[in-house]
Amino acid sequence: MDRIEDLTKIKLPQGWVLIKIHLKESLIVTPDSKEKSGPQVDYADVLVVARDIEDVLPGDVVLDFRSTEGFVWRKEQYALVPRMNIKVAVERSNFNFDGILGRKTKRNLTN
């Protein structure tokens, strides 16, 4: 993967979505964290969607998903996710990046 110049130009098989994962930055322990290990996902940016997917678009924000296809590219965390494993996604304009206390503001989609 490190030899890929631009991840947004990859070709995906039908039904797949490439997302960039943003991990929670808070050190606060939540009550349900006993059941989960490792860093928690805050949200993810949709980077690329397969040609057959019409209801999720690049730039959308994913709030809930399942994936086992994660990887690191240029020190950032990404995942390949089947569309059916994306449970909640919203348009970028419908997501409040400033709404959570203690989190750094992230307004721009970056690679």
C-alpha atoms as a PDB file:
ATOM      1  CA  MET A   1       0.000   0.000   0.000  1.00  0.00           C
ATOM      2  CA  ASP A   2       2.878   2.406   0.655  1.00  0.00           C
ATOM      3  CA  ARG A   3       3.643   2.563  -3.064  1.00  0.00           C
ATOM      4  CA  ILE A   4       0.215   4.005  -3.879  1.00  0.00           C
ATOM      5  CA  GLU A   5       0.522   7.721  -4.613  1.00  0.00           C
ATOM      6  CA  ASP A   6      -3.124   8.747  -4.027  1.00  0.00           C
ATOM      7  CA  LEU A   7      -5.612   6.553  -2.167  1.00  0.00           C
ATOM      8  CA  THR A   8      -8.571   8.516  -3.531  1.00  0.00           C
ATOM      9  CA  LYS A   9      -7.819   7.105  -6.994  1.00  0.00           C
ATOM     10  CA  ILE A  10      -7.956   3.420  -6.119  1.00  0.00           C
ATOM     11  CA  LYS A  11     -10.450   1.128  -7.831  1.00  0.00           C
ATOM     12  CA  LEU A  12     -12.804  -0.758  -5.552  1.00  0.00           C
ATOM     13  CA  PRO A  13     -14.860  -3.861  -6.263  1.00  0.00           C
ATOM     14  CA  GLN A  14     -18.631  -3.549  -6.203  1.00  0.00           C
ATOM     15  CA  GLY A  15     -20.144  -2.838  -2.813  1.00  0.00           C
ATOM     16  CA  TRP A  16     -16.995  -1.536  -1.080  1.00  0.00           C
ATOM     17  CA  VAL A  17     -16.120   1.818   0.529  1.00  0.00           C
ATOM     18  CA  LEU A  18     -12.723   3.191   1.571  1.00  0.00           C
ATOM     19  CA  ILE A  19     -12.795   5.281   4.749  1.00  0.00           C
ATOM     20  CA  LYS A  20     -10.211   7.261   6.699  1.00  0.00           C
ATOM     21  CA  ILE A  21     -10.594   6.631  10.420  1.00  0.00           C
ATOM     22  CA  HIS A  22     -10.307   9.323  13.077  1.00  0.00           C
ATOM     23  CA  LEU A  23      -9.693   7.928  16.558  1.00  0.00           C
ATOM     24  CA  LYS A  24     -11.026   9.490  19.754  1.00  0.00           C
ATOM     25  CA  GLU A  25      -8.476  11.741  21.384  1.00  0.00           C
ATOM     26  CA  SER A  26     -10.021  11.867  24.845  1.00  0.00           C
ATOM     27  CA  LEU A  27      -8.439  10.056  27.779  1.00  0.00           C
ATOM     28  CA  ILE A  28     -11.777   9.899  29.587  1.00  0.00           C
ATOM     29  CA  VAL A  29     -12.886   6.329  30.299  1.00  0.00           C
ATOM     30  CA  THR A  30     -16.505   5.654  29.429  1.00  0.00           C
ATOM     31  CA  PRO A  31     -18.615   3.125  31.355  1.00  0.00           C
ATOM     32  CA  ASP A  32     -18.933   0.778  28.382  1.00  0.00           C
ATOM     33  CA  SER A  33     -15.199   0.843  27.606  1.00  0.00           C
ATOM     34  CA  LYS A  34     -14.600  -2.336  29.658  1.00  0.00           C
ATOM     35  CA  GLU A  35     -16.023  -4.369  26.814  1.00  0.00           C
ATOM     36  CA  LYS A  36     -13.870  -2.735  24.121  1.00  0.00           C
ATOM     37  CA  SER A  37     -10.110  -2.801  23.813  1.00  0.00           C
ATOM     38  CA  GLY A  38      -7.804  -0.374  22.037  1.00  0.00           C
ATOM     39  CA  PRO A  39      -8.543   3.071  20.674  1.00  0.00           C
ATOM     40  CA  GLN A  40     -12.133   3.922  19.875  1.00  0.00           C
ATOM     41  CA  VAL A  41     -13.214   5.320  16.520  1.00  0.00           C
ATOM     42  CA  ASP A  42     -14.634   8.837  16.701  1.00  0.00           C
ATOM     43  CA  TYR A  43     -15.784   9.015  13.087  1.00  0.00           C
ATOM     44  CA  ALA A  44     -14.539   8.251   9.578  1.00  0.00           C
ATOM     45  CA  ASP A  45     -14.388  10.156   6.296  1.00  0.00           C
ATOM     46  CA  VAL A  46     -15.580   8.441   3.123  1.00  0.00           C
ATOM     47  CA  LEU A  47     -12.771   8.695   0.570  1.00  0.00           C
ATOM     48  CA  VAL A  48     -13.783   6.352  -2.250  1.00  0.00           C
ATOM     49  CA  VAL A  49     -16.935   4.394  -3.083  1.00  0.00           C
ATOM     50  CA  ALA A  50     -17.405   1.654  -5.643  1.00  0.00           C
ATOM     51  CA  ARG A  51     -19.256   2.667  -8.818  1.00  0.00           C
ATOM     52  CA  ASP A  52     -22.402   0.768  -7.815  1.00  0.00           C
ATOM     53  CA  ILE A  53     -22.908   2.648  -4.521  1.00  0.00           C
ATOM     54  CA  GLU A  54     -25.185   5.669  -4.734  1.00  0.00           C
ATOM     55  CA  ASP A  55     -26.302   6.444  -1.168  1.00  0.00           C
ATOM     56  CA  VAL A  56     -22.861   7.129   0.355  1.00  0.00           C
ATOM     57  CA  LEU A  57     -20.562   9.673  -1.294  1.00  0.00           C
ATOM     58  CA  PRO A  58     -16.924  10.731  -0.908  1.00  0.00           C
ATOM     59  CA  GLY A  59     -16.767  13.382   1.806  1.00  0.00           C
ATOM     60  CA  ASP A  60     -19.604  11.899   3.862  1.00  0.00           C
ATOM     61  CA  VAL A  61     -18.980  11.208   7.550  1.00  0.00           C
ATOM     62  CA  VAL A  62     -19.427   7.660   8.879  1.00  0.00           C
ATOM     63  CA  LEU A  63     -20.449   7.394  12.533  1.00  0.00           C
ATOM     64  CA  ASP A  64     -21.068   3.663  12.925  1.00  0.00           C
ATOM     65  CA  PHE A  65     -19.562   0.790  10.945  1.00  0.00           C
ATOM     66  CA  ARG A  66     -18.002  -2.670  11.223  1.00  0.00           C
ATOM     67  CA  SER A  67     -14.761  -3.681   9.530  1.00  0.00           C
ATOM     68  CA  THR A  68     -11.874  -6.105   9.795  1.00  0.00           C
ATOM     69  CA  GLU A  69     -10.052  -4.686   6.765  1.00  0.00           C
ATOM     70  CA  GLY A  70      -8.066  -1.890   8.433  1.00  0.00           C
ATOM     71  CA  PHE A  71      -4.607  -0.720   7.390  1.00  0.00           C
ATOM     72  CA  VAL A  72      -2.148   2.126   7.934  1.00  0.00           C
ATOM     73  CA  TRP A  73      -1.070   4.346   5.031  1.00  0.00           C
ATOM     74  CA  ARG A  74       1.339   7.213   5.606  1.00  0.00           C
ATOM     75  CA  LYS A  75       0.771   7.098   9.367  1.00  0.00           C
ATOM     76  CA  GLU A  76      -3.037   7.373   9.084  1.00  0.00           C
ATOM     77  CA  GLN A  77      -5.620   4.646   9.739  1.00  0.00           C
ATOM     78  CA  TYR A  78      -7.928   3.495   6.909  1.00  0.00           C
ATOM     79  CA  ALA A  79     -10.395   0.667   6.361  1.00  0.00           C
ATOM     80  CA  LEU A  80     -12.133  -1.080   3.476  1.00  0.00           C
ATOM     81  CA  VAL A  81     -15.762  -1.567   4.435  1.00  0.00           C
ATOM     82  CA  PRO A  82     -18.602  -3.332   2.647  1.00  0.00           C
ATOM     83  CA  ARG A  83     -21.440  -0.824   2.171  1.00  0.00           C
ATOM     84  CA  MET A  84     -23.787  -3.057   4.138  1.00  0.00           C
ATOM     85  CA  ASN A  85     -21.478  -2.656   7.183  1.00  0.00           C
ATOM     86  CA  ILE A  86     -21.915   1.119   7.263  1.00  0.00           C
ATOM     87  CA  LYS A  87     -24.783   1.616   9.684  1.00  0.00           C
ATOM     88  CA  VAL A  88     -24.843   5.426  10.052  1.00  0.00           C
ATOM     89  CA  ALA A  89     -23.456   8.014   7.618  1.00  0.00           C
ATOM     90  CA  VAL A  90     -24.295  11.690   7.152  1.00  0.00           C
ATOM     91  CA  GLU A  91     -23.402  14.417   4.716  1.00  0.00           C
ATOM     92  CA  ARG A  92     -20.428  16.447   5.899  1.00  0.00           C
ATOM     93  CA  SER A  93     -22.635  19.554   6.242  1.00  0.00           C
ATOM     94  CA  ASN A  94     -24.822  17.645   8.716  1.00  0.00           C
ATOM     95  CA  PHE A  95     -21.994  16.848  11.172  1.00  0.00           C
ATOM     96  CA  ASN A  96     -20.860  19.148  13.991  1.00  0.00           C
ATOM     97  CA  PHE A  97     -17.083  18.850  14.271  1.00  0.00           C
ATOM     98  CA  ASP A  98     -17.008  21.436  17.091  1.00  0.00           C
ATOM     99  CA  GLY A  99     -19.746  19.842  19.179  1.00  0.00           C
ATOM    100  CA  ILE A 100     -17.649  17.616  21.438  1.00  0.00           C
ATOM    101  CA  LEU A 101     -15.683  19.206  24.251  1.00  0.00           C
ATOM    102  CA  GLY A 102     -11.981  18.430  24.283  1.00  0.00           C
ATOM    103  CA  ARG A 103     -11.758  17.362  20.653  1.00  0.00           C
ATOM    104  CA  LYS A 104      -9.623  19.190  18.150  1.00  0.00           C
ATOM    105  CA  THR A 105     -11.563  20.809  15.325  1.00  0.00           C
ATOM    106  CA  LYS A 106     -11.300  18.879  12.052  1.00  0.00           C
ATOM    107  CA  ARG A 107     -13.156  20.619   9.282  1.00  0.00           C
ATOM    108  CA  ASN A 108     -11.241  19.657   6.158  1.00  0.00           C
ATOM    109  CA  LEU A 109     -11.034  16.261   4.495  1.00  0.00           C
ATOM    110  CA  THR A 110      -7.332  15.531   4.174  1.00  0.00           C
ATOM    111  CA  ASN A 111      -5.320  12.640   2.846  1.00  0.00           C
END
